[in-house]
C-alpha atoms as a PDB file:
ATOM      1  CA  MET A   1      -0.015  -0.018   0.012  1.00  0.00           C
ATOM      2  CA  GLN A   2       1.385   3.415  -1.152  1.00  0.00           C
ATOM      3  CA  ILE A   3       0.421   6.458   1.048  1.00  0.00           C
ATOM      4  CA  SER A   4       0.578  10.005  -0.287  1.00  0.00           C
ATOM      5  CA  LEU A   5       0.301  12.607   2.578  1.00  0.00           C
ATOM      6  CA  THR A   6      -0.414  16.426   1.623  1.00  0.00           C
ATOM      7  CA  GLY A   7      -0.839  19.134   4.154  1.00  0.00           C
ATOM      8  CA  ARG A   8      -2.643  22.351   3.268  1.00  0.00           C
ATOM      9  CA  HIS A   9      -1.649  25.008   5.718  1.00  0.00           C
ATOM     10  CA  VAL A  10      -0.340  22.400   7.943  1.00  0.00           C
ATOM     11  CA  GLU A  11       3.287  21.255   8.354  1.00  0.00           C
ATOM     12  CA  ILE A  12       3.569  17.464   8.283  1.00  0.00           C
ATOM     13  CA  THR A  13       5.765  16.451  11.159  1.00  0.00           C
ATOM     14  CA  GLU A  14       7.488  13.169  11.393  1.00  0.00           C
ATOM     15  CA  SER A  15       5.410  11.963  14.148  1.00  0.00           C
ATOM     16  CA  LEU A  16       1.952  12.909  12.330  1.00  0.00           C
ATOM     17  CA  ARG A  17       3.422  10.988   9.393  1.00  0.00           C
ATOM     18  CA  GLU A  18       3.918   7.958  11.455  1.00  0.00           C
ATOM     19  CA  TYR A  19       0.593   8.242  13.192  1.00  0.00           C
ATOM     20  CA  VAL A  20      -1.132   8.265   9.684  1.00  0.00           C
ATOM     21  CA  HIS A  21       0.799   5.243   8.486  1.00  0.00           C
ATOM     22  CA  VAL A  22      -0.045   3.246  11.768  1.00  0.00           C
ATOM     23  CA  LYS A  23      -3.543   3.987  11.406  1.00  0.00           C
ATOM     24  CA  PHE A  24      -3.632   3.110   7.649  1.00  0.00           C
ATOM     25  CA  SER A  25      -2.053  -0.132   8.315  1.00  0.00           C
ATOM     26  CA  LYS A  26      -4.994  -1.239  10.235  1.00  0.00           C
ATOM     27  CA  LEU A  27      -7.010  -0.867   7.042  1.00  0.00           C
ATOM     28  CA  GLU A  28      -4.897  -3.369   5.293  1.00  0.00           C
ATOM     29  CA  ARG A  29      -5.986  -6.024   7.844  1.00  0.00           C
ATOM     30  CA  HIS A  30      -9.737  -6.061   6.660  1.00  0.00           C
ATOM     31  CA  PHE A  31      -8.840  -5.814   3.036  1.00  0.00           C
ATOM     32  CA  ASP A  32      -5.364  -6.321   1.497  1.00  0.00           C
ATOM     33  CA  GLN A  33      -6.076  -5.236  -2.164  1.00  0.00           C
ATOM     34  CA  ILE A  34      -5.791  -1.479  -1.342  1.00  0.00           C
ATOM     35  CA  HIS A  35      -3.275   0.161  -3.931  1.00  0.00           C
ATOM     36  CA  ASN A  36      -2.768   3.465  -3.068  1.00  0.00           C
ATOM     37  CA  VAL A  37      -4.032   6.236  -0.506  1.00  0.00           C
ATOM     38  CA  HIS A  38      -4.090   9.813  -0.913  1.00  0.00           C
ATOM     39  CA  VAL A  39      -4.508  11.663   2.510  1.00  0.00           C
ATOM     40  CA  VAL A  40      -4.990  15.418   2.826  1.00  0.00           C
ATOM     41  CA  LEU A  41      -4.582  17.260   6.077  1.00  0.00           C
ATOM     42  CA  SER A  42      -5.757  20.996   6.281  1.00  0.00           C
ATOM     43  CA  LEU A  43      -6.452  23.573   8.724  1.00  0.00           C
ATOM     44  CA  GLU A  44      -9.789  25.721   8.193  1.00  0.00           C
ATOM     45  CA  LYS A  45      -9.956  28.495  10.985  1.00  0.00           C
ATOM     46  CA  LEU A  46     -10.267  26.384  14.011  1.00  0.00           C
ATOM     47  CA  GLN A  47     -11.232  23.254  12.225  1.00  0.00           C
ATOM     48  CA  GLN A  48      -8.628  20.397  11.739  1.00  0.00           C
ATOM     49  CA  LYS A  49      -9.599  18.400   8.555  1.00  0.00           C
ATOM     50  CA  ALA A  50      -8.580  15.022   7.415  1.00  0.00           C
ATOM     51  CA  GLU A  51      -9.611  13.563   3.978  1.00  0.00           C
ATOM     52  CA  ALA A  52      -8.628  10.476   2.273  1.00  0.00           C
ATOM     53  CA  LYS A  53      -9.092   8.708  -1.039  1.00  0.00           C
ATOM     54  CA  ILE A  54      -8.380   4.953  -1.424  1.00  0.00           C
ATOM     55  CA  ASN A  55      -8.131   3.238  -4.637  1.00  0.00           C
ATOM     56  CA  VAL A  56      -9.177  -0.573  -4.430  1.00  0.00           C
ATOM     57  CA  ASN A  57     -10.057  -2.960  -6.952  1.00  0.00           C
ATOM     58  CA  GLY A  58     -12.832  -1.617  -9.120  1.00  0.00           C
ATOM     59  CA  ALA A  59     -13.725   1.229  -6.747  1.00  0.00           C
ATOM     60  CA  GLU A  60     -12.566   4.588  -5.236  1.00  0.00           C
ATOM     61  CA  ILE A  61     -13.389   5.244  -1.568  1.00  0.00           C
ATOM     62  CA  PHE A  62     -13.702   8.663  -0.215  1.00  0.00           C
ATOM     63  CA  ALA A  63     -14.099   9.916   3.387  1.00  0.00           C
ATOM     64  CA  MET A  64     -13.700  13.298   5.200  1.00  0.00           C
ATOM     65  CA  SER A  65     -13.589  14.180   8.808  1.00  0.00           C
ATOM     66  CA  ASP A  66     -12.967  17.257  10.811  1.00  0.00           C
ATOM     67  CA  ASN A  67     -12.335  18.059  14.584  1.00  0.00           C
ATOM     68  CA  THR A  68     -10.362  20.560  16.687  1.00  0.00           C
ATOM     69  CA  ASP A  69      -7.554  18.093  17.072  1.00  0.00           C
ATOM     70  CA  MET A  70      -5.907  16.612  14.074  1.00  0.00           C
ATOM     71  CA  TYR A  71      -5.127  13.178  15.873  1.00  0.00           C
ATOM     72  CA  ALA A  72      -9.015  13.082  16.654  1.00  0.00           C
ATOM     73  CA  ALA A  73      -9.905  13.753  13.051  1.00  0.00           C
ATOM     74  CA  ILE A  74      -7.399  11.196  11.798  1.00  0.00           C
ATOM     75  CA  ASP A  75      -9.190   8.525  14.167  1.00  0.00           C
ATOM     76  CA  ALA A  76     -12.546   9.474  12.907  1.00  0.00           C
ATOM     77  CA  LEU A  77     -11.406   9.287   9.364  1.00  0.00           C
ATOM     78  CA  ILE A  78     -10.210   5.795   9.957  1.00  0.00           C
ATOM     79  CA  ASP A  79     -13.200   4.633  11.395  1.00  0.00           C
ATOM     80  CA  LYS A  80     -15.198   5.869   8.397  1.00  0.00           C
ATOM     81  CA  LEU A  81     -12.943   4.437   5.838  1.00  0.00           C
ATOM     82  CA  ASP A  82     -12.852   1.019   7.786  1.00  0.00           C
ATOM     83  CA  ARG A  83     -16.617   0.834   7.513  1.00  0.00           C
ATOM     84  CA  GLN A  84     -16.470   1.542   3.921  1.00  0.00           C
ATOM     85  CA  VAL A  85     -13.947  -0.879   3.121  1.00  0.00           C
ATOM     86  CA  ILE A  86     -15.655  -3.721   4.828  1.00  0.00           C
ATOM     87  CA  LYS A  87     -18.777  -2.887   3.036  1.00  0.00           C
ATOM     88  CA  HIS A  88     -16.890  -2.968  -0.294  1.00  0.00           C
ATOM     89  CA  LYS A  89     -15.236  -6.332   0.716  1.00  0.00           C
ATOM     90  CA  GLU A  90     -18.617  -7.874   1.443  1.00  0.00           C
ATOM     91  CA  LYS A  91     -20.147  -6.478  -1.586  1.00  0.00           C
ATOM     92  CA  ASN A  92     -17.243  -8.243  -3.760  1.00  0.00           C
ATOM     93  CA  THR A  93     -17.652 -11.479  -1.911  1.00  0.00           C
ATOM     94  CA  LYS A  94     -21.329 -11.745  -2.450  1.00  0.00           C
ATOM     95  CA  HIS A  95     -20.830 -11.547  -6.228  1.00  0.00           C
END
């Protein structure tokens, strides 16, 4: 899995980069056919926003989350993506 990390009005520190890699590795446990991930971390006034686009076989999954804390926004983003990836996996196994 290839992770591309972009920051808008946010400096991507090494700890933030490592946190994103650890969290996204949890998605691979549920579905191993994730090709690449594009994560955008941004700051808009007082809201920290995290959004991600995942390319999997035959689909593209997008989720967005915002919070006052960047780490909490990433956690909420991972929860949303986890549900969508599991739903995509179940849809593929039924067909």
